[in-house]
Amino acid sequence: VSLARKLPPGRIPRAEDLVIDTRMLAIAAVTTMIT
């Protein structure tokens, strides 16, 4: 995700605002458990 934030403007809309927040961490934890 840190690499995606450095992509040139326009590749990913609002790329500079990308972050793994608590929601994404929860998804990662649940995905790990299901796996």
ModelCIF file with pLDDT and N, C-alpha, C, O atoms, coordinates in Angstrom:
data_MODEL
#
_entry.id   MODEL 
#
_entity.id                         1 
_entity.type                       polymer 
_entity.pdbx_number_of_molecules   1 
#
_entity_poly.entity_id                      1 
_entity_poly.type                           'polypeptide(L)' 
_entity_poly.nstd_linkage                   no 
_entity_poly.nstd_monomer                   no 
_entity_poly.pdbx_seq_one_letter_code       VSLARKLPPGRIPRAEDLVIDTRMLAIAAVTTMIT 
_entity_poly.pdbx_seq_one_letter_code_can   VSLARKLPPGRIPRAEDLVIDTRMLAIAAVTTMIT 
_entity_poly.pdbx_strand_id                 A 
#
loop_
_entity_poly_seq.entity_id 
_entity_poly_seq.num 
_entity_poly_seq.mon_id 
_entity_poly_seq.hetero 
1 1  VAL n 
1 2  SER n 
1 3  LEU n 
1 4  ALA n 
1 5  ARG n 
1 6  LYS n 
1 7  LEU n 
1 8  PRO n 
1 9  PRO n 
1 10 GLY n 
1 11 ARG n 
1 12 ILE n 
1 13 PRO n 
1 14 ARG n 
1 15 ALA n 
1 16 GLU n 
1 17 ASP n 
1 18 LEU n 
1 19 VAL n 
1 20 ILE n 
1 21 ASP n 
1 22 THR n 
1 23 ARG n 
1 24 MET n 
1 25 LEU n 
1 26 ALA n 
1 27 ILE n 
1 28 ALA n 
1 29 ALA n 
1 30 VAL n 
1 31 THR n 
1 32 THR n 
1 33 MET n 
1 34 ILE n 
1 35 THR n 
#
_struct_asym.id          A 
_struct_asym.entity_id   1 
#
loop_
_ma_qa_metric.id 
_ma_qa_metric.mode 
_ma_qa_metric.name 
_ma_qa_metric.software_group_id 
_ma_qa_metric.type 
1 global pLDDT . pLDDT 
2 local  pLDDT . pLDDT 
#
_ma_qa_metric_global.metric_id      1 
_ma_qa_metric_global.metric_value   81.80 
_ma_qa_metric_global.model_id       1 
_ma_qa_metric_global.ordinal_id     1 
#
loop_
_ma_qa_metric_local.label_asym_id 
_ma_qa_metric_local.label_comp_id 
_ma_qa_metric_local.label_seq_id 
_ma_qa_metric_local.metric_id 
_ma_qa_metric_local.metric_value 
_ma_qa_metric_local.model_id 
_ma_qa_metric_local.ordinal_id 
A VAL 1  2 92.00 1 1  
A SER 2  2 90.00 1 2  
A LEU 3  2 90.00 1 3  
A ALA 4  2 88.00 1 4  
A ARG 5  2 84.00 1 5  
A LYS 6  2 82.00 1 6  
A LEU 7  2 81.00 1 7  
A PRO 8  2 75.00 1 8  
A PRO 9  2 64.00 1 9  
A GLY 10 2 66.00 1 10 
A ARG 11 2 77.00 1 11 
A ILE 12 2 79.00 1 12 
A PRO 13 2 76.00 1 13 
A ARG 14 2 75.00 1 14 
A ALA 15 2 78.00 1 15 
A GLU 16 2 74.00 1 16 
A ASP 17 2 76.00 1 17 
A LEU 18 2 84.00 1 18 
A VAL 19 2 85.00 1 19 
A ILE 20 2 87.00 1 20 
A ASP 21 2 83.00 1 21 
A THR 22 2 86.00 1 22 
A ARG 23 2 84.00 1 23 
A MET 24 2 85.00 1 24 
A LEU 25 2 86.00 1 25 
A ALA 26 2 87.00 1 26 
A ILE 27 2 84.00 1 27 
A ALA 28 2 84.00 1 28 
A ALA 29 2 86.00 1 29 
A VAL 30 2 86.00 1 30 
A THR 31 2 83.00 1 31 
A THR 32 2 83.00 1 32 
A MET 33 2 83.00 1 33 
A ILE 34 2 82.00 1 34 
A THR 35 2 78.00 1 35 
#
loop_
_atom_site.group_PDB 
_atom_site.id 
_atom_site.type_symbol 
_atom_site.label_atom_id 
_atom_site.label_alt_id 
_atom_site.label_comp_id 
_atom_site.label_asym_id 
_atom_site.label_entity_id 
_atom_site.label_seq_id 
_atom_site.pdbx_PDB_ins_code 
_atom_site.Cartn_x 
_atom_site.Cartn_y 
_atom_site.Cartn_z 
_atom_site.occupancy 
_atom_site.B_iso_or_equiv 
_atom_site.pdbx_formal_charge 
_atom_site.auth_seq_id 
_atom_site.auth_comp_id 
_atom_site.auth_asym_id 
_atom_site.auth_atom_id 
_atom_site.pdbx_PDB_model_num 
ATOM 1   N N  . VAL A 1 1  ? 0.837   -1.206  0.000   1.00 92.00 ? 1  VAL A N  1 
ATOM 2   C CA . VAL A 1 1  ? 0.000   0.000   0.000   1.00 92.00 ? 1  VAL A CA 1 
ATOM 3   C C  . VAL A 1 1  ? 0.870   1.255   0.000   1.00 92.00 ? 1  VAL A C  1 
ATOM 4   O O  . VAL A 1 1  ? 0.523   2.250   -0.636  1.00 92.00 ? 1  VAL A O  1 
ATOM 5   N N  . SER A 1 2  ? 1.996   1.214   0.709   1.00 90.00 ? 2  SER A N  1 
ATOM 6   C CA . SER A 1 2  ? 2.904   2.365   0.690   1.00 90.00 ? 2  SER A CA 1 
ATOM 7   C C  . SER A 1 2  ? 3.469   2.594   -0.708  1.00 90.00 ? 2  SER A C  1 
ATOM 8   O O  . SER A 1 2  ? 3.687   3.737   -1.111  1.00 90.00 ? 2  SER A O  1 
ATOM 9   N N  . LEU A 1 3  ? 3.708   1.509   -1.450  1.00 90.00 ? 3  LEU A N  1 
ATOM 10  C CA . LEU A 1 3  ? 4.149   1.660   -2.839  1.00 90.00 ? 3  LEU A CA 1 
ATOM 11  C C  . LEU A 1 3  ? 3.040   2.249   -3.700  1.00 90.00 ? 3  LEU A C  1 
ATOM 12  O O  . LEU A 1 3  ? 3.298   3.088   -4.562  1.00 90.00 ? 3  LEU A O  1 
ATOM 13  N N  . ALA A 1 4  ? 1.790   1.806   -3.464  1.00 88.00 ? 4  ALA A N  1 
ATOM 14  C CA . ALA A 1 4  ? 0.660   2.322   -4.242  1.00 88.00 ? 4  ALA A CA 1 
ATOM 15  C C  . ALA A 1 4  ? 0.478   3.813   -4.026  1.00 88.00 ? 4  ALA A C  1 
ATOM 16  O O  . ALA A 1 4  ? 0.077   4.527   -4.945  1.00 88.00 ? 4  ALA A O  1 
ATOM 17  N N  . ARG A 1 5  ? 0.771   4.297   -2.814  1.00 84.00 ? 5  ARG A N  1 
ATOM 18  C CA . ARG A 1 5  ? 0.642   5.733   -2.546  1.00 84.00 ? 5  ARG A CA 1 
ATOM 19  C C  . ARG A 1 5  ? 1.617   6.558   -3.364  1.00 84.00 ? 5  ARG A C  1 
ATOM 20  O O  . ARG A 1 5  ? 1.400   7.752   -3.573  1.00 84.00 ? 5  ARG A O  1 
ATOM 21  N N  . LYS A 1 6  ? 2.703   5.925   -3.834  1.00 82.00 ? 6  LYS A N  1 
ATOM 22  C CA . LYS A 1 6  ? 3.723   6.663   -4.578  1.00 82.00 ? 6  LYS A CA 1 
ATOM 23  C C  . LYS A 1 6  ? 3.519   6.598   -6.090  1.00 82.00 ? 6  LYS A C  1 
ATOM 24  O O  . LYS A 1 6  ? 4.334   7.121   -6.851  1.00 82.00 ? 6  LYS A O  1 
ATOM 25  N N  . LEU A 1 7  ? 2.436   5.959   -6.527  1.00 81.00 ? 7  LEU A N  1 
ATOM 26  C CA . LEU A 1 7  ? 2.175   5.888   -7.958  1.00 81.00 ? 7  LEU A CA 1 
ATOM 27  C C  . LEU A 1 7  ? 1.912   7.287   -8.515  1.00 81.00 ? 7  LEU A C  1 
ATOM 28  O O  . LEU A 1 7  ? 1.472   8.167   -7.775  1.00 81.00 ? 7  LEU A O  1 
ATOM 29  N N  . PRO A 1 8  ? 2.173   7.508   -9.803  1.00 75.00 ? 8  PRO A N  1 
ATOM 30  C CA . PRO A 1 8  ? 1.905   8.826   -10.391 1.00 75.00 ? 8  PRO A CA 1 
ATOM 31  C C  . PRO A 1 8  ? 0.436   9.200   -10.259 1.00 75.00 ? 8  PRO A C  1 
ATOM 32  O O  . PRO A 1 8  ? -0.422  8.318   -10.227 1.00 75.00 ? 8  PRO A O  1 
ATOM 33  N N  . PRO A 1 9  ? 0.131   10.500  -10.181 1.00 64.00 ? 9  PRO A N  1 
ATOM 34  C CA . PRO A 1 9  ? -1.269  10.941  -10.058 1.00 64.00 ? 9  PRO A CA 1 
ATOM 35  C C  . PRO A 1 9  ? -2.130  10.381  -11.187 1.00 64.00 ? 9  PRO A C  1 
ATOM 36  O O  . PRO A 1 9  ? -1.711  10.356  -12.344 1.00 64.00 ? 9  PRO A O  1 
ATOM 37  N N  . GLY A 1 10 ? -3.328  9.937   -10.843 1.00 66.00 ? 10 GLY A N  1 
ATOM 38  C CA . GLY A 1 10 ? -4.256  9.434   -11.843 1.00 66.00 ? 10 GLY A CA 1 
ATOM 39  C C  . GLY A 1 10 ? -4.277  7.928   -11.978 1.00 66.00 ? 10 GLY A C  1 
ATOM 40  O O  . GLY A 1 10 ? -5.260  7.372   -12.470 1.00 66.00 ? 10 GLY A O  1 
ATOM 41  N N  . ARG A 1 11 ? -3.192  7.231   -11.546 1.00 77.00 ? 11 ARG A N  1 
ATOM 42  C CA . ARG A 1 11 ? -3.189  5.768   -11.658 1.00 77.00 ? 11 ARG A CA 1 
ATOM 43  C C  . ARG A 1 11 ? -4.240  5.162   -10.726 1.00 77.00 ? 11 ARG A C  1 
ATOM 44  O O  . ARG A 1 11 ? -5.017  4.301   -11.139 1.00 77.00 ? 11 ARG A O  1 
ATOM 45  N N  . ILE A 1 12 ? -4.261  5.608   -9.484  1.00 79.00 ? 12 ILE A N  1 
ATOM 46  C CA . ILE A 1 12 ? -5.277  5.206   -8.520  1.00 79.00 ? 12 ILE A CA 1 
ATOM 47  C C  . ILE A 1 12 ? -5.879  6.494   -7.958  1.00 79.00 ? 12 ILE A C  1 
ATOM 48  O O  . ILE A 1 12 ? -5.149  7.315   -7.403  1.00 79.00 ? 12 ILE A O  1 
ATOM 49  N N  . PRO A 1 13 ? -7.190  6.688   -8.091  1.00 76.00 ? 13 PRO A N  1 
ATOM 50  C CA . PRO A 1 13 ? -7.788  7.922   -7.563  1.00 76.00 ? 13 PRO A CA 1 
ATOM 51  C C  . PRO A 1 13 ? -7.487  8.102   -6.080  1.00 76.00 ? 13 PRO A C  1 
ATOM 52  O O  . PRO A 1 13 ? -7.656  7.176   -5.286  1.00 76.00 ? 13 PRO A O  1 
ATOM 53  N N  . ARG A 1 14 ? -7.042  9.297   -5.716  1.00 75.00 ? 14 ARG A N  1 
ATOM 54  C CA . ARG A 1 14 ? -6.754  9.659   -4.318  1.00 75.00 ? 14 ARG A CA 1 
ATOM 55  C C  . ARG A 1 14 ? -5.769  8.689   -3.677  1.00 75.00 ? 14 ARG A C  1 
ATOM 56  O O  . ARG A 1 14 ? -5.932  8.302   -2.520  1.00 75.00 ? 14 ARG A O  1 
ATOM 57  N N  . ALA A 1 15 ? -4.747  8.299   -4.435  1.00 78.00 ? 15 ALA A N  1 
ATOM 58  C CA . ALA A 1 15 ? -3.796  7.299   -3.941  1.00 78.00 ? 15 ALA A CA 1 
ATOM 59  C C  . ALA A 1 15 ? -3.085  7.761   -2.678  1.00 78.00 ? 15 ALA A C  1 
ATOM 60  O O  . ALA A 1 15 ? -2.745  6.938   -1.828  1.00 78.00 ? 15 ALA A O  1 
ATOM 61  N N  . GLU A 1 16 ? -2.856  9.052   -2.541  1.00 74.00 ? 16 GLU A N  1 
ATOM 62  C CA . GLU A 1 16 ? -2.113  9.541   -1.373  1.00 74.00 ? 16 GLU A CA 1 
ATOM 63  C C  . GLU A 1 16 ? -2.881  9.339   -0.072  1.00 74.00 ? 16 GLU A C  1 
ATOM 64  O O  . GLU A 1 16 ? -2.310  9.449   1.013   1.00 74.00 ? 16 GLU A O  1 
ATOM 65  N N  . ASP A 1 17 ? -4.182  9.043   -0.181  1.00 76.00 ? 17 ASP A N  1 
ATOM 66  C CA . ASP A 1 17 ? -5.015  8.849   1.004   1.00 76.00 ? 17 ASP A CA 1 
ATOM 67  C C  . ASP A 1 17 ? -5.147  7.375   1.371   1.00 76.00 ? 17 ASP A C  1 
ATOM 68  O O  . ASP A 1 17 ? -5.861  7.038   2.316   1.00 76.00 ? 17 ASP A O  1 
ATOM 69  N N  . LEU A 1 18 ? -4.470  6.492   0.640   1.00 84.00 ? 18 LEU A N  1 
ATOM 70  C CA . LEU A 1 18 ? -4.555  5.059   0.922   1.00 84.00 ? 18 LEU A CA 1 
ATOM 71  C C  . LEU A 1 18 ? -3.942  4.727   2.273   1.00 84.00 ? 18 LEU A C  1 
ATOM 72  O O  . LEU A 1 18 ? -2.861  5.212   2.609   1.00 84.00 ? 18 LEU A O  1 
ATOM 73  N N  . VAL A 1 19 ? -4.637  3.899   3.047   1.00 85.00 ? 19 VAL A N  1 
ATOM 74  C CA . VAL A 1 19 ? -4.125  3.483   4.348   1.00 85.00 ? 19 VAL A CA 1 
ATOM 75  C C  . VAL A 1 19 ? -4.824  2.196   4.760   1.00 85.00 ? 19 VAL A C  1 
ATOM 76  O O  . VAL A 1 19 ? -5.996  1.992   4.443   1.00 85.00 ? 19 VAL A O  1 
ATOM 77  N N  . ILE A 1 20 ? -4.109  1.331   5.465   1.00 87.00 ? 20 ILE A N  1 
ATOM 78  C CA . ILE A 1 20 ? -4.721  0.131   6.034   1.00 87.00 ? 20 ILE A CA 1 
ATOM 79  C C  . ILE A 1 20 ? -5.265  0.523   7.407   1.00 87.00 ? 20 ILE A C  1 
ATOM 80  O O  . ILE A 1 20 ? -4.516  0.603   8.380   1.00 87.00 ? 20 ILE A O  1 
ATOM 81  N N  . ASP A 1 21 ? -6.557  0.762   7.473   1.00 83.00 ? 21 ASP A N  1 
ATOM 82  C CA . ASP A 1 21 ? -7.166  1.214   8.720   1.00 83.00 ? 21 ASP A CA 1 
ATOM 83  C C  . ASP A 1 21 ? -7.622  0.020   9.556   1.00 83.00 ? 21 ASP A C  1 
ATOM 84  O O  . ASP A 1 21 ? -7.345  -1.131  9.219   1.00 83.00 ? 21 ASP A O  1 
ATOM 85  N N  . THR A 1 22 ? -8.324  0.310   10.647  1.00 86.00 ? 22 THR A N  1 
ATOM 86  C CA . THR A 1 22 ? -8.760  -0.766  11.544  1.00 86.00 ? 22 THR A CA 1 
ATOM 87  C C  . THR A 1 22 ? -9.731  -1.713  10.853  1.00 86.00 ? 22 THR A C  1 
ATOM 88  O O  . THR A 1 22 ? -9.743  -2.908  11.147  1.00 86.00 ? 22 THR A O  1 
ATOM 89  N N  . ARG A 1 23 ? -10.549 -1.192  9.932   1.00 84.00 ? 23 ARG A N  1 
ATOM 90  C CA . ARG A 1 23 ? -11.470 -2.068  9.199   1.00 84.00 ? 23 ARG A CA 1 
ATOM 91  C C  . ARG A 1 23 ? -10.705 -3.081  8.372   1.00 84.00 ? 23 ARG A C  1 
ATOM 92  O O  . ARG A 1 23 ? -11.061 -4.259  8.346   1.00 84.00 ? 23 ARG A O  1 
ATOM 93  N N  . MET A 1 24 ? -9.654  -2.635  7.696   1.00 85.00 ? 24 MET A N  1 
ATOM 94  C CA . MET A 1 24 ? -8.869  -3.543  6.871   1.00 85.00 ? 24 MET A CA 1 
ATOM 95  C C  . MET A 1 24 ? -8.082  -4.534  7.734   1.00 85.00 ? 24 MET A C  1 
ATOM 96  O O  . MET A 1 24 ? -7.909  -5.692  7.355   1.00 85.00 ? 24 MET A O  1 
ATOM 97  N N  . LEU A 1 25 ? -7.608  -4.073  8.898   1.00 86.00 ? 25 LEU A N  1 
ATOM 98  C CA . LEU A 1 25 ? -6.925  -4.990  9.809   1.00 86.00 ? 25 LEU A CA 1 
ATOM 99  C C  . LEU A 1 25 ? -7.888  -6.070  10.304  1.00 86.00 ? 25 LEU A C  1 
ATOM 100 O O  . LEU A 1 25 ? -7.513  -7.235  10.439  1.00 86.00 ? 25 LEU A O  1 
ATOM 101 N N  . ALA A 1 26 ? -9.129  -5.670  10.572  1.00 87.00 ? 26 ALA A N  1 
ATOM 102 C CA . ALA A 1 26 ? -10.127 -6.654  11.002  1.00 87.00 ? 26 ALA A CA 1 
ATOM 103 C C  . ALA A 1 26 ? -10.400 -7.661  9.890   1.00 87.00 ? 26 ALA A C  1 
ATOM 104 O O  . ALA A 1 26 ? -10.532 -8.857  10.150  1.00 87.00 ? 26 ALA A O  1 
ATOM 105 N N  . ILE A 1 27 ? -10.484 -7.182  8.660   1.00 84.00 ? 27 ILE A N  1 
ATOM 106 C CA . ILE A 1 27 ? -10.698 -8.083  7.526   1.00 84.00 ? 27 ILE A CA 1 
ATOM 107 C C  . ILE A 1 27 ? -9.530  -9.050  7.385   1.00 84.00 ? 27 ILE A C  1 
ATOM 108 O O  . ILE A 1 27 ? -9.724  -10.237 7.123   1.00 84.00 ? 27 ILE A O  1 
ATOM 109 N N  . ALA A 1 28 ? -8.301  -8.530  7.563   1.00 84.00 ? 28 ALA A N  1 
ATOM 110 C CA . ALA A 1 28 ? -7.128  -9.396  7.473   1.00 84.00 ? 28 ALA A CA 1 
ATOM 111 C C  . ALA A 1 28 ? -7.149  -10.461 8.564   1.00 84.00 ? 28 ALA A C  1 
ATOM 112 O O  . ALA A 1 28 ? -6.817  -11.619 8.312   1.00 84.00 ? 28 ALA A O  1 
ATOM 113 N N  . ALA A 1 29 ? -7.546  -10.064 9.795   1.00 86.00 ? 29 ALA A N  1 
ATOM 114 C CA . ALA A 1 29 ? -7.603  -11.029 10.900  1.00 86.00 ? 29 ALA A CA 1 
ATOM 115 C C  . ALA A 1 29 ? -8.658  -12.098 10.650  1.00 86.00 ? 29 ALA A C  1 
ATOM 116 O O  . ALA A 1 29 ? -8.412  -13.284 10.867  1.00 86.00 ? 29 ALA A O  1 
ATOM 117 N N  . VAL A 1 30 ? -9.837  -11.675 10.192  1.00 86.00 ? 30 VAL A N  1 
ATOM 118 C CA . VAL A 1 30 ? -10.907 -12.643 9.907   1.00 86.00 ? 30 VAL A CA 1 
ATOM 119 C C  . VAL A 1 30 ? -10.508 -13.558 8.756   1.00 86.00 ? 30 VAL A C  1 
ATOM 120 O O  . VAL A 1 30 ? -10.765 -14.762 8.792   1.00 86.00 ? 30 VAL A O  1 
ATOM 121 N N  . THR A 1 31 ? -9.880  -12.984 7.738   1.00 83.00 ? 31 THR A N  1 
ATOM 122 C CA . THR A 1 31 ? -9.438  -13.799 6.604   1.00 83.00 ? 31 THR A CA 1 
ATOM 123 C C  . THR A 1 31 ? -8.411  -14.834 7.048   1.00 83.00 ? 31 THR A C  1 
ATOM 124 O O  . THR A 1 31 ? -8.440  -15.979 6.597   1.00 83.00 ? 31 THR A O  1 
ATOM 125 N N  . THR A 1 32 ? -7.503  -14.426 7.936   1.00 83.00 ? 32 THR A N  1 
ATOM 126 C CA . THR A 1 32 ? -6.514  -15.366 8.464   1.00 83.00 ? 32 THR A CA 1 
ATOM 127 C C  . THR A 1 32 ? -7.195  -16.500 9.219   1.00 83.00 ? 32 THR A C  1 
ATOM 128 O O  . THR A 1 32 ? -6.844  -17.667 9.042   1.00 83.00 ? 32 THR A O  1 
ATOM 129 N N  . MET A 1 33 ? -8.174  -16.158 10.065  1.00 83.00 ? 33 MET A N  1 
ATOM 130 C CA . MET A 1 33 ? -8.886  -17.170 10.837  1.00 83.00 ? 33 MET A CA 1 
ATOM 131 C C  . MET A 1 33 ? -9.632  -18.133 9.909   1.00 83.00 ? 33 MET A C  1 
ATOM 132 O O  . MET A 1 33 ? -9.582  -19.349 10.097  1.00 83.00 ? 33 MET A O  1 
ATOM 133 N N  . ILE A 1 34 ? -10.325 -17.580 8.906   1.00 82.00 ? 34 ILE A N  1 
ATOM 134 C CA . ILE A 1 34 ? -11.065 -18.438 7.976   1.00 82.00 ? 34 ILE A CA 1 
ATOM 135 C C  . ILE A 1 34 ? -10.112 -19.335 7.205   1.00 82.00 ? 34 ILE A C  1 
ATOM 136 O O  . ILE A 1 34 ? -10.400 -20.509 6.973   1.00 82.00 ? 34 ILE A O  1 
ATOM 137 N N  . THR A 1 35 ? -8.965  -18.772 6.807   1.00 78.00 ? 35 THR A N  1 
ATOM 138 C CA . THR A 1 35 ? -7.978  -19.572 6.084   1.00 78.00 ? 35 THR A CA 1 
ATOM 139 C C  . THR A 1 35 ? -7.494  -20.736 6.938   1.00 78.00 ? 35 THR A C  1 
ATOM 140 O O  . THR A 1 35 ? -6.657  -21.522 6.494   1.00 78.00 ? 35 THR A O  1 
#
